[in-house]
N, C-alpha and C. Protein backbone atom coordinates (compact mmCIF):
# COMPACT_ATOMS: atom_id res chain seq x y z
N MET A 1 150.10 76.85 114.78
CA MET A 1 150.05 77.27 115.98
C MET A 1 149.01 76.06 116.62
N SER A 2 149.36 75.54 117.48
CA SER A 2 148.52 74.58 118.25
C SER A 2 147.79 75.07 119.26
N SER A 3 146.81 74.51 119.63
CA SER A 3 145.61 74.96 120.37
C SER A 3 146.00 75.06 122.02
N SER A 4 147.12 74.14 122.35
CA SER A 4 147.51 74.34 123.81
C SER A 4 148.56 75.45 124.05
N SER A 5 149.28 76.00 123.14
CA SER A 5 150.02 77.60 123.07
C SER A 5 149.08 78.63 122.85
N SER A 6 147.97 78.63 122.64
CA SER A 6 147.22 79.64 122.43
C SER A 6 147.10 80.34 123.29
N GLN A 7 146.86 81.82 123.41
CA GLN A 7 146.67 82.81 124.60
C GLN A 7 145.11 82.85 124.65
N TYR A 8 144.22 82.28 123.98
CA TYR A 8 142.73 82.34 124.56
C TYR A 8 142.49 80.94 125.06
N ILE A 9 141.47 81.04 125.98
CA ILE A 9 141.12 80.21 126.52
C ILE A 9 139.65 79.29 125.87
N ASP A 10 139.77 78.01 125.85
CA ASP A 10 138.53 77.60 125.20
C ASP A 10 137.26 78.08 125.45
N ARG A 11 136.18 78.33 124.88
CA ARG A 11 134.85 78.73 125.05
C ARG A 11 134.16 77.87 125.93
N LYS A 12 134.07 76.47 125.94
CA LYS A 12 133.50 75.68 126.70
C LYS A 12 134.17 75.59 128.22
N ALA A 13 135.54 75.85 128.18
CA ALA A 13 136.24 75.84 129.55
C ALA A 13 135.54 77.23 130.27
N VAL A 14 135.62 78.13 129.55
CA VAL A 14 135.14 79.57 129.93
C VAL A 14 133.52 79.43 130.78
N ASN A 15 132.73 78.81 129.70
CA ASN A 15 131.45 78.58 130.18
C ASN A 15 131.23 77.62 131.44
N ALA A 16 132.02 76.72 131.25
CA ALA A 16 132.04 75.56 132.49
C ALA A 16 132.51 76.37 133.65
N SER A 17 133.45 77.37 133.60
CA SER A 17 133.99 77.84 135.00
C SER A 17 133.14 79.12 135.31
N TYR A 18 132.35 79.69 134.65
CA TYR A 18 131.26 80.59 135.18
C TYR A 18 129.98 80.06 135.39
N ARG A 19 129.55 79.02 134.72
CA ARG A 19 128.28 78.37 135.21
C ARG A 19 128.53 76.81 135.24
N PRO A 20 129.06 76.63 136.28
CA PRO A 20 129.34 75.01 136.31
C PRO A 20 128.14 73.96 136.44
N LYS A 21 127.06 74.58 136.66
CA LYS A 21 125.58 73.68 136.60
C LYS A 21 124.80 75.07 136.24
N ALA A 22 123.59 74.34 135.62
CA ALA A 22 122.56 75.31 135.09
C ALA A 22 121.81 76.07 136.16
N GLY A 23 121.69 77.56 136.07
CA GLY A 23 121.44 78.11 137.18
C GLY A 23 121.97 78.58 138.29
N VAL A 24 123.11 78.40 138.31
CA VAL A 24 124.19 78.50 139.34
C VAL A 24 125.34 79.29 138.88
N MET A 25 125.81 80.34 139.70
CA MET A 25 126.81 81.13 139.45
C MET A 25 128.13 80.74 140.24
N SER A 26 129.26 80.62 139.24
CA SER A 26 130.26 80.45 140.08
C SER A 26 130.80 81.45 141.06
N ALA A 27 131.73 81.24 141.66
CA ALA A 27 132.38 82.43 142.54
C ALA A 27 133.39 83.40 141.56
N GLY A 28 133.72 83.18 140.62
CA GLY A 28 134.39 84.04 139.68
C GLY A 28 133.28 85.00 139.07
N LEU A 29 132.23 84.37 138.66
CA LEU A 29 131.10 85.23 137.91
C LEU A 29 130.55 86.11 139.03
N LYS A 30 130.27 85.64 140.30
CA LYS A 30 129.73 86.54 141.34
C LYS A 30 131.01 87.51 141.69
N ARG A 31 132.27 87.47 141.55
CA ARG A 31 133.03 88.60 141.81
C ARG A 31 133.15 89.58 140.64
N ALA A 32 132.79 88.92 139.46
CA ALA A 32 132.90 89.76 138.00
C ALA A 32 131.60 90.74 138.16
N ARG A 33 130.55 90.27 138.66
CA ARG A 33 129.28 91.18 138.60
C ARG A 33 129.10 92.03 139.80
N ALA A 34 130.06 91.76 140.78
CA ALA A 34 130.03 92.56 142.20
C ALA A 34 129.89 93.91 142.12
N PRO A 35 130.80 94.49 140.95
CA PRO A 35 130.91 96.20 141.12
C PRO A 35 129.80 96.83 140.54
N TYR A 36 128.77 96.17 139.60
CA TYR A 36 127.79 96.40 139.08
C TYR A 36 126.49 96.22 139.67
N ARG A 37 126.54 95.51 140.85
CA ARG A 37 125.37 95.00 141.65
C ARG A 37 124.87 96.39 142.05
N VAL A 38 125.18 97.14 142.67
CA VAL A 38 124.63 98.34 143.30
C VAL A 38 123.94 99.33 142.24
N ARG A 39 124.81 99.44 141.14
CA ARG A 39 124.50 100.52 140.12
C ARG A 39 123.24 99.73 139.26
N ASN A 40 123.27 98.53 139.16
CA ASN A 40 122.10 97.78 138.39
C ASN A 40 120.73 97.93 139.28
N ALA A 41 120.83 97.86 140.63
CA ALA A 41 120.00 97.76 141.64
C ALA A 41 119.11 99.13 141.51
N ILE A 42 120.11 100.22 141.62
CA ILE A 42 119.52 101.66 141.72
C ILE A 42 119.02 101.89 140.19
N THR A 43 119.37 101.54 139.13
CA THR A 43 118.80 101.71 137.84
C THR A 43 117.54 100.90 137.78
N GLY A 44 117.46 99.72 138.25
CA GLY A 44 116.09 98.97 138.10
C GLY A 44 115.05 99.56 139.08
N LEU A 45 115.55 99.96 140.05
CA LEU A 45 114.67 100.80 141.09
C LEU A 45 114.06 102.09 140.63
N ALA A 46 114.99 102.65 139.80
CA ALA A 46 114.34 104.11 139.25
C ALA A 46 113.58 103.69 138.13
N LEU A 47 113.88 102.82 137.31
CA LEU A 47 112.91 102.44 136.27
C LEU A 47 111.42 101.90 136.72
N GLY A 48 111.49 101.00 137.79
CA GLY A 48 110.24 100.58 138.31
C GLY A 48 109.69 101.86 139.09
N ALA A 49 110.10 102.69 139.71
CA ALA A 49 109.58 103.99 140.30
C ALA A 49 108.80 104.83 139.22
N PHE A 50 109.66 104.89 138.17
CA PHE A 50 108.96 105.60 136.98
C PHE A 50 107.71 105.11 136.30
N ALA A 51 107.79 103.81 136.10
CA ALA A 51 106.70 103.12 135.79
C ALA A 51 105.61 103.15 136.52
N VAL A 52 105.78 103.02 137.81
CA VAL A 52 104.85 103.10 139.02
C VAL A 52 104.32 104.56 139.08
N GLY A 53 105.06 105.29 138.74
CA GLY A 53 104.67 106.87 138.86
C GLY A 53 103.63 107.37 137.73
N VAL A 54 104.09 106.81 136.71
CA VAL A 54 103.02 106.92 135.40
C VAL A 54 102.06 106.54 135.84
N TRP A 55 101.76 105.26 136.14
CA TRP A 55 100.55 104.33 136.08
C TRP A 55 99.82 105.14 137.22
N ALA A 56 100.10 105.77 138.37
CA ALA A 56 99.42 106.47 139.47
C ALA A 56 98.93 107.54 138.96
N TYR A 57 100.00 108.47 138.25
CA TYR A 57 99.42 109.65 137.79
C TYR A 57 98.13 109.64 136.77
N SER A 58 98.33 108.66 135.78
CA SER A 58 97.10 108.18 135.19
C SER A 58 95.89 107.85 135.67
N ILE A 59 96.07 106.99 136.71
CA ILE A 59 94.86 106.58 137.47
C ILE A 59 94.42 107.83 138.04
N SER A 60 95.34 108.40 139.12
CA SER A 60 94.77 109.83 139.40
C SER A 60 94.26 110.91 138.64
N ALA A 61 94.36 110.82 137.59
CA ALA A 61 94.17 111.95 136.35
C ALA A 61 92.75 111.55 136.01
N VAL A 62 92.48 110.25 135.90
CA VAL A 62 91.07 109.68 135.42
C VAL A 62 90.42 109.64 136.44
N LYS A 63 90.69 109.42 137.74
CA LYS A 63 89.68 109.78 138.95
C LYS A 63 89.10 111.07 138.94
N GLN A 64 89.85 111.97 138.67
CA GLN A 64 89.40 113.65 138.80
C GLN A 64 88.19 113.73 137.93
N ASP A 65 88.25 113.29 136.78
CA ASP A 65 87.19 113.61 135.65
C ASP A 65 85.74 113.07 136.26
N VAL A 66 84.89 113.97 136.11
CA VAL A 66 83.58 113.75 136.29
C VAL A 66 82.84 113.42 134.94
N PHE A 67 82.15 112.31 134.89
CA PHE A 67 81.33 111.81 133.83
C PHE A 67 79.92 112.02 133.72
N ASP A 68 79.54 112.64 134.79
CA ASP A 68 78.02 112.85 134.98
C ASP A 68 77.51 113.30 133.64
N ASP A 69 78.06 114.38 132.95
CA ASP A 69 77.27 114.93 131.69
C ASP A 69 77.26 114.01 130.80
N VAL A 70 78.09 113.12 130.47
CA VAL A 70 78.23 112.08 129.59
C VAL A 70 77.06 111.09 129.69
N ASP A 71 76.79 110.77 131.07
CA ASP A 71 75.72 109.73 131.23
C ASP A 71 74.28 110.46 130.86
N GLU A 72 74.28 111.53 131.23
CA GLU A 72 72.87 112.50 130.99
C GLU A 72 72.86 112.70 129.40
N GLU A 73 73.80 112.83 128.71
CA GLU A 73 73.53 113.17 127.08
C GLU A 73 73.29 111.72 126.63
N ALA A 74 73.86 110.58 127.28
CA ALA A 74 73.66 109.35 126.50
C ALA A 74 72.24 109.06 127.02
N ARG A 75 71.61 109.40 128.00
CA ARG A 75 70.21 109.03 128.25
C ARG A 75 69.52 109.58 127.46
N VAL A 76 69.76 111.05 127.25
CA VAL A 76 68.67 111.88 126.54
C VAL A 76 68.89 111.35 125.22
N MET A 77 69.96 111.06 124.48
CA MET A 77 70.02 110.84 123.25
C MET A 77 69.61 109.17 122.84
N ALA A 78 69.43 108.45 124.00
CA ALA A 78 68.66 107.20 123.78
C ALA A 78 67.28 107.17 123.78
N GLN A 79 66.61 108.39 124.69
CA GLN A 79 65.50 108.23 124.82
C GLN A 79 64.89 108.85 123.57
N THR A 80 65.43 109.98 122.97
CA THR A 80 64.90 110.57 121.71
C THR A 80 65.33 109.76 120.54
N GLY A 81 66.21 108.90 120.49
CA GLY A 81 66.64 108.33 119.35
C GLY A 81 67.67 109.00 118.59
N ALA A 82 68.04 109.96 119.01
CA ALA A 82 68.98 110.95 118.48
C ALA A 82 70.42 110.42 118.15
N VAL A 83 70.63 109.23 118.83
CA VAL A 83 71.92 108.23 118.37
C VAL A 83 72.13 107.99 116.98
N ASN A 84 70.93 107.42 116.46
CA ASN A 84 70.69 107.05 115.10
C ASN A 84 70.82 108.09 114.15
N GLU A 85 70.30 109.36 114.62
CA GLU A 85 70.19 110.46 113.70
C GLU A 85 71.36 110.90 113.24
N ALA A 86 72.31 111.10 114.65
CA ALA A 86 73.44 111.51 114.61
C ALA A 86 74.54 110.71 113.72
N PHE A 87 74.44 109.52 113.99
CA PHE A 87 75.17 108.68 113.17
C PHE A 87 74.73 108.80 111.53
N LYS A 88 73.63 108.84 111.29
CA LYS A 88 73.09 109.17 109.88
C LYS A 88 73.79 110.29 109.35
N ALA A 89 73.56 111.51 110.09
CA ALA A 89 74.06 112.60 109.65
C ALA A 89 75.43 112.70 109.45
N GLU A 90 76.37 112.06 110.30
CA GLU A 90 77.87 111.93 110.17
C GLU A 90 78.08 111.26 109.00
N GLU A 91 77.54 110.19 108.63
CA GLU A 91 77.56 109.47 107.46
C GLU A 91 77.23 110.14 106.31
N ALA A 92 76.33 110.78 106.31
CA ALA A 92 75.91 111.78 105.12
C ALA A 92 76.93 112.78 104.65
N VAL A 93 77.59 113.26 105.93
CA VAL A 93 78.50 114.04 105.59
C VAL A 93 79.82 113.64 105.35
N ARG A 94 80.20 112.64 105.47
CA ARG A 94 81.39 111.72 105.16
C ARG A 94 81.03 111.24 103.40
N THR A 95 80.35 111.13 103.01
CA THR A 95 79.57 110.50 101.80
C THR A 95 79.83 111.68 100.77
N ALA A 96 79.10 112.87 101.30
CA ALA A 96 79.37 114.04 100.45
C ALA A 96 80.66 114.43 100.65
N ALA A 97 81.65 114.39 101.54
CA ALA A 97 83.03 114.85 101.30
C ALA A 97 83.75 114.13 100.49
N VAL A 98 83.38 112.74 100.30
CA VAL A 98 84.14 111.90 99.42
C VAL A 98 83.55 112.22 98.12
N ALA A 99 82.26 112.41 97.87
CA ALA A 99 81.74 112.47 96.48
C ALA A 99 82.16 113.81 95.84
N GLN A 100 82.38 114.79 96.58
CA GLN A 100 82.86 116.20 95.86
C GLN A 100 84.40 116.05 95.52
N PRO A 101 84.74 116.52 94.42
CA PRO A 101 85.99 116.58 93.76
C PRO A 101 86.63 118.05 94.63
N ILE A 102 88.01 117.65 94.93
CA ILE A 102 88.73 118.98 95.47
C ILE A 102 88.89 120.10 94.22
N GLN A 103 88.48 121.01 94.44
CA GLN A 103 88.77 122.17 93.25
C GLN A 103 90.10 122.94 93.45
N ALA A 104 91.16 122.57 92.92
CA ALA A 104 92.37 123.32 93.19
C ALA A 104 92.43 124.74 92.10
N SER A 105 92.80 125.87 92.36
CA SER A 105 92.96 126.90 91.58
C SER A 105 94.33 126.71 91.06
N PRO A 106 94.77 127.20 89.63
CA PRO A 106 96.10 126.98 89.05
C PRO A 106 96.92 127.87 89.87
N ILE A 107 98.22 127.64 89.81
CA ILE A 107 99.39 128.61 90.23
C ILE A 107 99.87 129.00 88.91
N VAL A 108 99.91 130.66 89.08
CA VAL A 108 100.24 131.24 87.84
C VAL A 108 101.71 131.86 88.38
N ALA A 109 102.74 131.58 87.50
CA ALA A 109 103.83 132.04 87.87
C ALA A 109 104.21 133.46 87.45
N THR A 110 104.68 134.51 88.27
CA THR A 110 104.71 135.76 87.98
C THR A 110 106.33 136.19 87.22
N SER A 111 107.15 135.16 87.43
CA SER A 111 108.39 135.56 86.87
C SER A 111 108.75 134.44 86.10
N THR A 112 109.31 134.69 84.80
CA THR A 112 109.40 133.76 83.63
C THR A 112 110.73 132.99 83.77
N SER A 113 111.79 133.55 84.81
CA SER A 113 112.99 132.74 85.12
C SER A 113 112.89 131.43 85.71
N ILE A 114 111.89 131.36 86.25
CA ILE A 114 111.39 129.80 86.87
C ILE A 114 110.67 129.05 85.82
N PRO A 115 111.41 127.93 85.09
CA PRO A 115 110.64 127.17 84.36
C PRO A 115 109.44 126.27 85.01
N SER A 116 108.35 126.19 84.29
CA SER A 116 107.27 125.69 84.88
C SER A 116 107.45 124.32 84.71
N PRO A 117 106.81 123.24 85.66
CA PRO A 117 107.00 121.90 85.60
C PRO A 117 106.01 121.11 84.46
N ALA A 118 106.67 120.04 84.13
CA ALA A 118 105.75 119.38 83.16
C ALA A 118 104.56 119.08 83.58
N PRO A 119 103.54 119.00 82.49
CA PRO A 119 102.08 119.04 83.05
C PRO A 119 101.92 117.35 83.47
N PRO A 120 101.29 117.11 84.47
CA PRO A 120 101.06 115.69 84.75
C PRO A 120 100.42 115.00 83.56
N THR A 121 101.11 113.68 83.36
CA THR A 121 100.41 112.82 82.48
C THR A 121 98.87 112.21 82.86
N THR A 122 98.36 111.95 81.76
CA THR A 122 97.03 111.65 82.12
C THR A 122 96.78 109.94 81.77
N SER A 123 97.97 109.44 81.40
CA SER A 123 97.76 107.96 81.09
C SER A 123 97.57 107.33 82.40
N THR A 124 97.03 106.12 82.43
CA THR A 124 96.54 105.08 83.77
C THR A 124 97.39 104.06 83.60
N GLN A 125 98.39 104.07 82.71
CA GLN A 125 99.46 102.90 82.85
C GLN A 125 100.26 103.00 84.23
N CYS A 126 100.19 101.72 84.86
CA CYS A 126 100.98 101.46 86.10
C CYS A 126 102.53 101.34 85.85
N ARG A 127 103.01 101.78 86.87
CA ARG A 127 104.74 101.62 86.62
C ARG A 127 105.23 100.63 87.80
N GLY A 128 106.37 99.86 87.54
CA GLY A 128 107.06 99.30 88.74
C GLY A 128 106.29 98.09 89.20
N LEU A 129 106.04 98.28 90.88
CA LEU A 129 105.34 97.30 91.29
C LEU A 129 103.79 97.38 91.34
N LEU A 130 103.34 98.48 91.00
CA LEU A 130 101.81 98.78 90.84
C LEU A 130 101.38 98.00 89.76
N ARG A 131 101.99 97.77 88.66
CA ARG A 131 101.71 97.17 87.12
C ARG A 131 101.36 95.83 87.96
N HIS A 132 102.00 95.01 88.84
CA HIS A 132 101.79 93.77 89.10
C HIS A 132 100.82 93.88 90.06
N LEU A 133 100.54 94.63 91.16
CA LEU A 133 99.31 94.85 91.91
C LEU A 133 98.14 94.99 91.08
N ASP A 134 98.14 95.81 90.03
CA ASP A 134 96.91 96.06 89.29
C ASP A 134 96.38 94.48 88.32
N SER A 135 97.45 93.84 87.93
CA SER A 135 96.95 92.73 87.48
C SER A 135 96.39 91.50 88.36
N ARG A 136 96.92 91.62 89.54
CA ARG A 136 96.50 90.55 90.51
C ARG A 136 95.34 90.85 91.39
N VAL A 137 95.59 92.31 91.86
CA VAL A 137 94.46 92.75 92.80
C VAL A 137 94.00 94.09 92.29
N PRO A 138 92.99 93.97 91.15
CA PRO A 138 92.69 95.36 90.71
C PRO A 138 91.82 96.02 91.48
N HIS A 139 91.15 95.69 92.39
CA HIS A 139 90.41 96.73 93.10
C HIS A 139 91.10 97.25 94.16
N LEU A 140 92.51 97.11 94.30
CA LEU A 140 93.49 97.67 95.17
C LEU A 140 93.56 99.20 94.90
N LEU A 141 93.95 99.34 93.54
CA LEU A 141 94.65 100.65 93.01
C LEU A 141 93.16 101.49 92.90
N ASP A 142 93.49 102.70 92.75
CA ASP A 142 92.51 103.81 92.09
C ASP A 142 92.32 103.53 90.60
N PRO A 143 91.12 103.31 90.16
CA PRO A 143 90.70 103.11 88.77
C PRO A 143 91.04 104.14 88.09
N LYS A 144 90.96 105.53 88.43
CA LYS A 144 91.15 106.61 87.64
C LYS A 144 92.79 106.80 87.49
N ASN A 145 93.51 107.13 88.35
CA ASN A 145 95.00 107.25 88.42
C ASN A 145 95.85 106.13 88.56
N LYS A 146 95.34 104.85 88.82
CA LYS A 146 95.99 103.86 88.97
C LYS A 146 97.20 103.99 90.26
N THR A 147 96.93 104.71 91.12
CA THR A 147 97.89 105.11 92.36
C THR A 147 97.12 104.08 93.69
N PHE A 148 98.15 104.01 94.42
CA PHE A 148 97.77 103.13 95.77
C PHE A 148 96.75 103.91 96.53
N VAL A 149 97.16 105.25 96.65
CA VAL A 149 96.30 106.06 97.65
C VAL A 149 95.00 106.66 96.64
N TRP A 150 93.99 106.49 96.98
CA TRP A 150 92.80 106.73 96.04
C TRP A 150 92.85 108.24 96.02
N GLY A 151 92.44 108.89 94.86
CA GLY A 151 92.31 110.29 95.00
C GLY A 151 93.71 111.08 94.77
N ALA A 152 94.95 110.47 95.19
CA ALA A 152 96.06 111.06 94.80
C ALA A 152 96.70 111.32 93.53
N PRO A 153 97.30 112.38 93.10
CA PRO A 153 97.80 112.64 91.85
C PRO A 153 98.81 111.70 91.58
N PRO A 154 99.14 111.32 90.12
CA PRO A 154 100.40 110.70 89.97
C PRO A 154 101.63 111.46 89.99
N VAL A 155 102.57 110.36 90.60
CA VAL A 155 103.70 111.22 90.92
C VAL A 155 105.10 111.23 89.79
N ASP A 156 104.67 110.77 88.62
CA ASP A 156 105.45 110.54 87.54
C ASP A 156 105.42 112.19 87.08
N HIS A 157 106.57 112.75 86.72
CA HIS A 157 106.75 114.22 86.11
C HIS A 157 106.47 115.14 86.93
N ILE A 158 106.75 115.04 87.85
CA ILE A 158 106.46 116.06 89.21
C ILE A 158 107.01 117.56 89.14
N GLY A 159 108.20 117.31 88.22
CA GLY A 159 109.06 118.69 87.87
C GLY A 159 109.91 118.82 89.18
N LYS A 160 110.81 119.85 88.85
CA LYS A 160 111.73 120.35 89.91
C LYS A 160 111.37 121.78 90.37
N ILE A 161 111.88 122.31 91.48
CA ILE A 161 112.00 123.30 92.02
C ILE A 161 113.26 123.85 91.66
N GLY A 162 113.50 125.16 91.04
CA GLY A 162 114.68 125.66 90.51
C GLY A 162 115.03 125.23 89.20
N GLY A 163 116.35 124.77 88.86
CA GLY A 163 116.81 124.62 87.69
C GLY A 163 116.07 123.18 87.00
N SER A 164 116.36 122.77 85.66
CA SER A 164 115.63 121.81 85.05
C SER A 164 116.46 120.44 85.36
């Protein structure tokens, strides 16, 4: 089949007919876009109005807030030095929370028809990608469980709910 008898028009010819010069639309392109001009303008105006409305609402909501009490608290804390004490107390609470292990009570099955999950393994061998991470970046993984999330239990042999 030759290109002259093809039912399709060459892409370069189409581009040349719709945009004869850079940045200029041909009369055919203007006619093709005419039915959508009003609909596109209304959609653009609606989106713009929504954005301006959200911005105006946000500004008006912030203007209504009164921050006088915040300024008074800041002055009092700066004068008494309570800012540093508050930060130290908060840091002490954080370190105490991290240092204490979480104690969970064991779950006792009341029915013998449901099999209990296999006990978690205590091996600290990494599997899959974690093995490569542990050898290349050893401080990235939890040293105890070799997990990416520190303190998380290993996910090997988690068991199944219901049948085996």
